[in-house]
PDB file of N, CA and C in Angstrom:
ATOM      1  N   MET A   1    -122.791 -50.396 -27.269  1.00  0.00           N
ATOM      2  CA  MET A   1    -123.515 -49.312 -28.014  1.00  0.00           C
ATOM      3  C   MET A   1    -123.762 -49.794 -29.393  1.00  0.00           C
ATOM      4  N   SER A   2    -124.984 -49.728 -29.875  1.00  0.00           N
ATOM      5  CA  SER A   2    -125.405 -50.142 -31.191  1.00  0.00           C
ATOM      6  C   SER A   2    -124.924 -49.193 -32.281  1.00  0.00           C
ATOM      7  N   GLN A   3    -124.875 -49.654 -33.513  1.00  0.00           N
ATOM      8  CA  GLN A   3    -124.386 -48.863 -34.618  1.00  0.00           C
ATOM      9  C   GLN A   3    -125.274 -47.676 -34.765  1.00  0.00           C
ATOM     10  N   GLY A   4    -126.692 -47.856 -34.636  1.00  0.00           N
ATOM     11  CA  GLY A   4    -127.611 -46.674 -34.662  1.00  0.00           C
ATOM     12  C   GLY A   4    -127.379 -45.670 -33.629  1.00  0.00           C
ATOM     13  N   SER A   5    -127.017 -46.202 -32.481  1.00  0.00           N
ATOM     14  CA  SER A   5    -126.744 -45.278 -31.296  1.00  0.00           C
ATOM     15  C   SER A   5    -125.548 -44.520 -31.487  1.00  0.00           C
ATOM     16  N   ILE A   6    -124.560 -45.031 -32.103  1.00  0.00           N
ATOM     17  CA  ILE A   6    -123.267 -44.347 -32.382  1.00  0.00           C
ATOM     18  C   ILE A   6    -123.525 -43.156 -33.445  1.00  0.00           C
ATOM     19  N   PHE A   7    -124.317 -43.598 -34.488  1.00  0.00           N
ATOM     20  CA  PHE A   7    -124.592 -42.592 -35.517  1.00  0.00           C
ATOM     21  C   PHE A   7    -125.545 -41.555 -34.971  1.00  0.00           C
ATOM     22  N   GLN A   8    -126.456 -41.904 -34.081  1.00  0.00           N
ATOM     23  CA  GLN A   8    -127.339 -40.910 -33.502  1.00  0.00           C
ATOM     24  C   GLN A   8    -126.532 -39.955 -32.626  1.00  0.00           C
ATOM     25  N   THR A   9    -125.596 -40.459 -31.868  1.00  0.00           N
ATOM     26  CA  THR A   9    -124.777 -39.657 -31.047  1.00  0.00           C
ATOM     27  C   THR A   9    -123.889 -38.675 -31.867  1.00  0.00           C
ATOM     28  N   LEU A  10    -123.338 -39.177 -33.028  1.00  0.00           N
ATOM     29  CA  LEU A  10    -122.544 -38.405 -33.879  1.00  0.00           C
ATOM     30  C   LEU A  10    -123.361 -37.265 -34.473  1.00  0.00           C
ATOM     31  N   LEU A  11    -124.576 -37.553 -34.914  1.00  0.00           N
ATOM     32  CA  LEU A  11    -125.491 -36.539 -35.435  1.00  0.00           C
ATOM     33  C   LEU A  11    -125.877 -35.482 -34.440  1.00  0.00           C
ATOM     34  N   SER A  12    -126.081 -35.933 -33.206  1.00  0.00           N
ATOM     35  CA  SER A  12    -126.414 -34.959 -32.104  1.00  0.00           C
ATOM     36  C   SER A  12    -125.283 -34.099 -31.781  1.00  0.00           C
ATOM     37  N   VAL A  13    -124.080 -34.570 -31.805  1.00  0.00           N
ATOM     38  CA  VAL A  13    -122.930 -33.692 -31.428  1.00  0.00           C
ATOM     39  C   VAL A  13    -122.768 -32.770 -32.597  1.00  0.00           C
ATOM     40  N   ILE A  14    -122.820 -33.163 -33.787  1.00  0.00           N
ATOM     41  CA  ILE A  14    -122.667 -32.255 -34.952  1.00  0.00           C
ATOM     42  C   ILE A  14    -123.689 -31.118 -34.987  1.00  0.00           C
ATOM     43  N   ALA A  15    -124.931 -31.557 -34.673  1.00  0.00           N
ATOM     44  CA  ALA A  15    -125.932 -30.572 -34.518  1.00  0.00           C
ATOM     45  C   ALA A  15    -125.682 -29.533 -33.430  1.00  0.00           C
ATOM     46  N   ALA A  16    -125.137 -30.019 -32.315  1.00  0.00           N
ATOM     47  CA  ALA A  16    -124.802 -29.207 -31.255  1.00  0.00           C
ATOM     48  C   ALA A  16    -123.646 -28.216 -31.520  1.00  0.00           C
ATOM     49  N   PHE A  17    -122.787 -28.714 -32.360  1.00  0.00           N
ATOM     50  CA  PHE A  17    -121.649 -27.813 -32.842  1.00  0.00           C
ATOM     51  C   PHE A  17    -122.152 -26.659 -33.617  1.00  0.00           C
ATOM     52  N   PHE A  18    -123.193 -26.840 -34.415  1.00  0.00           N
ATOM     53  CA  PHE A  18    -123.678 -25.804 -35.197  1.00  0.00           C
ATOM     54  C   PHE A  18    -124.954 -25.126 -34.470  1.00  0.00           C
ATOM     55  N   GLY A  19    -125.397 -25.582 -33.389  1.00  0.00           N
ATOM     56  CA  GLY A  19    -126.515 -25.021 -32.647  1.00  0.00           C
ATOM     57  C   GLY A  19    -127.882 -25.179 -33.286  1.00  0.00           C
ATOM     58  N   VAL A  20    -128.060 -26.330 -33.995  1.00  0.00           N
ATOM     59  CA  VAL A  20    -129.332 -26.545 -34.645  1.00  0.00           C
ATOM     60  C   VAL A  20    -130.017 -27.769 -34.193  1.00  0.00           C
ATOM     61  N   GLN A  21    -129.772 -28.192 -32.971  1.00  0.00           N
ATOM     62  CA  GLN A  21    -130.434 -29.386 -32.409  1.00  0.00           C
ATOM     63  C   GLN A  21    -131.873 -29.071 -32.114  1.00  0.00           C
ATOM     64  N   THR A  22    -132.726 -30.027 -32.554  1.00  0.00           N
ATOM     65  CA  THR A  22    -134.159 -29.914 -32.281  1.00  0.00           C
ATOM     66  C   THR A  22    -134.457 -30.169 -30.744  1.00  0.00           C
ATOM     67  N   ASP A  23    -135.583 -29.610 -30.309  1.00  0.00           N
ATOM     68  CA  ASP A  23    -135.860 -29.852 -28.922  1.00  0.00           C
ATOM     69  C   ASP A  23    -136.085 -31.333 -28.623  1.00  0.00           C
ATOM     70  N   LYS A  24    -136.737 -31.993 -29.558  1.00  0.00           N
ATOM     71  CA  LYS A  24    -137.022 -33.385 -29.404  1.00  0.00           C
ATOM     72  C   LYS A  24    -135.793 -34.244 -29.245  1.00  0.00           C
ATOM     73  N   ASN A  25    -134.746 -33.971 -30.080  1.00  0.00           N
ATOM     74  CA  ASN A  25    -133.518 -34.648 -30.038  1.00  0.00           C
ATOM     75  C   ASN A  25    -132.735 -34.283 -28.729  1.00  0.00           C
ATOM     76  N   ARG A  26    -132.844 -33.066 -28.405  1.00  0.00           N
ATOM     77  CA  ARG A  26    -132.129 -32.572 -27.211  1.00  0.00           C
ATOM     78  C   ARG A  26    -132.678 -33.290 -25.948  1.00  0.00           C
ATOM     79  N   GLN A  27    -134.002 -33.353 -25.873  1.00  0.00           N
ATOM     80  CA  GLN A  27    -134.610 -34.117 -24.750  1.00  0.00           C
ATOM     81  C   GLN A  27    -134.277 -35.615 -24.737  1.00  0.00           C
ATOM     82  N   ARG A  28    -134.181 -36.194 -25.949  1.00  0.00           N
ATOM     83  CA  ARG A  28    -133.730 -37.596 -26.020  1.00  0.00           C
ATOM     84  C   ARG A  28    -132.305 -37.808 -25.584  1.00  0.00           C
ATOM     85  N   ASP A  29    -131.496 -36.871 -25.947  1.00  0.00           N
ATOM     86  CA  ASP A  29    -130.020 -36.924 -25.514  1.00  0.00           C
ATOM     87  C   ASP A  29    -129.878 -36.713 -24.015  1.00  0.00           C
ATOM     88  N   PHE A  30    -130.675 -35.826 -23.428  1.00  0.00           N
ATOM     89  CA  PHE A  30    -130.505 -35.559 -21.979  1.00  0.00           C
ATOM     90  C   PHE A  30    -131.100 -36.720 -21.216  1.00  0.00           C
ATOM     91  N   ASN A  31    -131.922 -37.540 -21.745  1.00  0.00           N
ATOM     92  CA  ASN A  31    -132.521 -38.706 -21.009  1.00  0.00           C
ATOM     93  C   ASN A  31    -131.613 -39.893 -21.074  1.00  0.00           C
ATOM     94  N   LYS A  32    -130.485 -39.861 -21.797  1.00  0.00           N
ATOM     95  CA  LYS A  32    -129.554 -40.941 -21.836  1.00  0.00           C
ATOM     96  C   LYS A  32    -128.887 -41.101 -20.392  1.00  0.00           C
ATOM     97  N   LYS A  33    -128.455 -42.261 -20.162  1.00  0.00           N
ATOM     98  CA  LYS A  33    -127.829 -42.602 -18.854  1.00  0.00           C
ATOM     99  C   LYS A  33    -126.521 -41.926 -18.612  1.00  0.00           C
ATOM    100  N   SER A  34    -125.712 -41.842 -19.698  1.00  0.00           N
ATOM    101  CA  SER A  34    -124.351 -41.479 -19.531  1.00  0.00           C
ATOM    102  C   SER A  34    -123.986 -40.391 -20.572  1.00  0.00           C
ATOM    103  N   PRO A  35    -123.298 -39.329 -20.061  1.00  0.00           N
ATOM    104  CA  PRO A  35    -122.991 -38.310 -21.163  1.00  0.00           C
ATOM    105  C   PRO A  35    -121.467 -38.632 -21.816  1.00  0.00           C
ATOM    106  N   VAL A  36    -120.983 -39.709 -21.352  1.00  0.00           N
ATOM    107  CA  VAL A  36    -119.526 -40.017 -21.819  1.00  0.00           C
ATOM    108  C   VAL A  36    -119.508 -40.205 -23.342  1.00  0.00           C
ATOM    109  N   PRO A  37    -120.432 -40.924 -24.024  1.00  0.00           N
ATOM    110  CA  PRO A  37    -120.305 -40.999 -25.479  1.00  0.00           C
ATOM    111  C   PRO A  37    -120.361 -39.555 -26.210  1.00  0.00           C
ATOM    112  N   PHE A  38    -121.195 -38.771 -25.677  1.00  0.00           N
ATOM    113  CA  PHE A  38    -121.338 -37.353 -26.182  1.00  0.00           C
ATOM    114  C   PHE A  38    -119.961 -36.614 -26.004  1.00  0.00           C
ATOM    115  N   ILE A  39    -119.378 -36.738 -24.813  1.00  0.00           N
ATOM    116  CA  ILE A  39    -118.168 -36.020 -24.491  1.00  0.00           C
ATOM    117  C   ILE A  39    -116.984 -36.583 -25.399  1.00  0.00           C
ATOM    118  N   VAL A  40    -116.892 -37.911 -25.588  1.00  0.00           N
ATOM    119  CA  VAL A  40    -115.836 -38.473 -26.390  1.00  0.00           C
ATOM    120  C   VAL A  40    -116.011 -38.047 -27.839  1.00  0.00           C
ATOM    121  N   VAL A  41    -117.242 -38.168 -28.393  1.00  0.00           N
ATOM    122  CA  VAL A  41    -117.453 -37.796 -29.804  1.00  0.00           C
ATOM    123  C   VAL A  41    -117.126 -36.275 -29.946  1.00  0.00           C
ATOM    124  N   GLY A  42    -117.555 -35.457 -28.965  1.00  0.00           N
ATOM    125  CA  GLY A  42    -117.278 -33.944 -28.997  1.00  0.00           C
ATOM    126  C   GLY A  42    -115.822 -33.640 -29.045  1.00  0.00           C
ATOM    127  N   ILE A  43    -115.096 -34.325 -28.244  1.00  0.00           N
ATOM    128  CA  ILE A  43    -113.585 -34.096 -28.185  1.00  0.00           C
ATOM    129  C   ILE A  43    -112.970 -34.548 -29.487  1.00  0.00           C
ATOM    130  N   ILE A  44    -113.353 -35.679 -30.046  1.00  0.00           N
ATOM    131  CA  ILE A  44    -112.791 -36.170 -31.303  1.00  0.00           C
ATOM    132  C   ILE A  44    -113.171 -35.234 -32.441  1.00  0.00           C
ATOM    133  N   LEU A  45    -114.389 -34.719 -32.525  1.00  0.00           N
ATOM    134  CA  LEU A  45    -114.747 -33.791 -33.573  1.00  0.00           C
ATOM    135  C   LEU A  45    -114.030 -32.472 -33.402  1.00  0.00           C
ATOM    136  N   ALA A  46    -113.830 -32.050 -32.154  1.00  0.00           N
ATOM    137  CA  ALA A  46    -113.194 -30.743 -31.982  1.00  0.00           C
ATOM    138  C   ALA A  46    -111.717 -30.852 -32.399  1.00  0.00           C
ATOM    139  N   VAL A  47    -111.054 -31.940 -32.071  1.00  0.00           N
ATOM    140  CA  VAL A  47    -109.616 -32.204 -32.500  1.00  0.00           C
ATOM    141  C   VAL A  47    -109.657 -32.225 -33.997  1.00  0.00           C
ATOM    142  N   LEU A  48    -110.533 -32.937 -34.630  1.00  0.00           N
ATOM    143  CA  LEU A  48    -110.440 -33.073 -36.079  1.00  0.00           C
ATOM    144  C   LEU A  48    -110.721 -31.764 -36.775  1.00  0.00           C
ATOM    145  N   MET A  49    -111.586 -30.895 -36.240  1.00  0.00           N
ATOM    146  CA  MET A  49    -111.854 -29.608 -36.689  1.00  0.00           C
ATOM    147  C   MET A  49    -110.579 -28.753 -36.595  1.00  0.00           C
ATOM    148  N   VAL A  50    -109.894 -28.692 -35.495  1.00  0.00           N
ATOM    149  CA  VAL A  50    -108.708 -27.940 -35.371  1.00  0.00           C
ATOM    150  C   VAL A  50    -107.551 -28.381 -36.287  1.00  0.00           C
ATOM    151  N   ILE A  51    -107.424 -29.687 -36.444  1.00  0.00           N
ATOM    152  CA  ILE A  51    -106.496 -30.271 -37.384  1.00  0.00           C
ATOM    153  C   ILE A  51    -106.865 -29.819 -38.852  1.00  0.00           C
ATOM    154  N   GLY A  52    -108.116 -29.916 -39.188  1.00  0.00           N
ATOM    155  CA  GLY A  52    -108.520 -29.431 -40.455  1.00  0.00           C
ATOM    156  C   GLY A  52    -108.289 -27.992 -40.777  1.00  0.00           C
ATOM    157  N   ILE A  53    -108.576 -27.163 -39.798  1.00  0.00           N
ATOM    158  CA  ILE A  53    -108.342 -25.677 -39.918  1.00  0.00           C
ATOM    159  C   ILE A  53    -106.776 -25.470 -40.118  1.00  0.00           C
ATOM    160  N   MET A  54    -105.932 -26.179 -39.365  1.00  0.00           N
ATOM    161  CA  MET A  54    -104.510 -26.039 -39.438  1.00  0.00           C
ATOM    162  C   MET A  54    -104.048 -26.439 -40.853  1.00  0.00           C
ATOM    163  N   LEU A  55    -104.608 -27.565 -41.426  1.00  0.00           N
ATOM    164  CA  LEU A  55    -104.220 -28.048 -42.688  1.00  0.00           C
ATOM    165  C   LEU A  55    -104.654 -27.034 -43.744  1.00  0.00           C
ATOM    166  N   ILE A  56    -105.775 -26.433 -43.680  1.00  0.00           N
ATOM    167  CA  ILE A  56    -106.264 -25.488 -44.555  1.00  0.00           C
ATOM    168  C   ILE A  56    -105.354 -24.222 -44.526  1.00  0.00           C
ATOM    169  N   VAL A  57    -105.057 -23.735 -43.413  1.00  0.00           N
ATOM    170  CA  VAL A  57    -104.163 -22.585 -43.305  1.00  0.00           C
ATOM    171  C   VAL A  57    -102.747 -22.832 -43.850  1.00  0.00           C
ATOM    172  N   LYS A  58    -102.252 -24.007 -43.580  1.00  0.00           N
ATOM    173  CA  LYS A  58    -100.907 -24.322 -44.181  1.00  0.00           C
ATOM    174  C   LYS A  58    -100.995 -24.466 -45.664  1.00  0.00           C
ATOM    175  N   TRP A  59    -102.063 -24.980 -46.223  1.00  0.00           N
ATOM    176  CA  TRP A  59    -102.290 -25.115 -47.677  1.00  0.00           C
ATOM    177  C   TRP A  59    -102.379 -23.717 -48.292  1.00  0.00           C
ATOM    178  N   VAL A  60    -103.130 -22.810 -47.709  1.00  0.00           N
ATOM    179  CA  VAL A  60    -103.368 -21.463 -48.238  1.00  0.00           C
ATOM    180  C   VAL A  60    -101.993 -20.674 -48.229  1.00  0.00           C
ATOM    181  N   LEU A  61    -101.330 -20.821 -47.066  1.00  0.00           N
ATOM    182  CA  LEU A  61    -100.068 -20.134 -46.913  1.00  0.00           C
ATOM    183  C   LEU A  61     -98.950 -20.705 -47.948  1.00  0.00           C
ATOM    184  N   ALA A  62     -99.101 -21.945 -48.168  1.00  0.00           N
ATOM    185  CA  ALA A  62     -98.093 -22.582 -49.116  1.00  0.00           C
ATOM    186  C   ALA A  62     -98.384 -22.178 -50.586  1.00  0.00           C
ATOM    187  N   THR A  63     -99.720 -22.032 -50.896  1.00  0.00           N
ATOM    188  CA  THR A  63     -99.998 -21.705 -52.329  1.00  0.00           C
ATOM    189  C   THR A  63     -99.900 -20.257 -52.619  1.00  0.00           C
ATOM    190  N   HIS A  64     -99.879 -19.342 -51.557  1.00  0.00           N
ATOM    191  CA  HIS A  64     -99.751 -17.953 -51.838  1.00  0.00           C
ATOM    192  C   HIS A  64     -98.402 -17.394 -51.402  1.00  0.00           C
ATOM    193  N   SER A  65     -97.468 -18.142 -51.266  1.00  0.00           N
ATOM    194  CA  SER A  65     -96.056 -17.709 -50.977  1.00  0.00           C
ATOM    195  C   SER A  65     -95.199 -17.677 -52.214  1.00  0.00           C
TER     196      SER A  65
END
């Protein structure tokens, strides 16, 4: 997978997280041969988001105690 393709996949997954994917990009993504890169990037971003939220909550609780 090329560097541009990885960046393109990352941007597509982020857009999908927020629900702002353009129809042109969605069609491009659905024409890819394998959904595996989108699944892997999606799982990684979801885990990072959960960890980020956990850290923010811990920080807020620690500063207001």
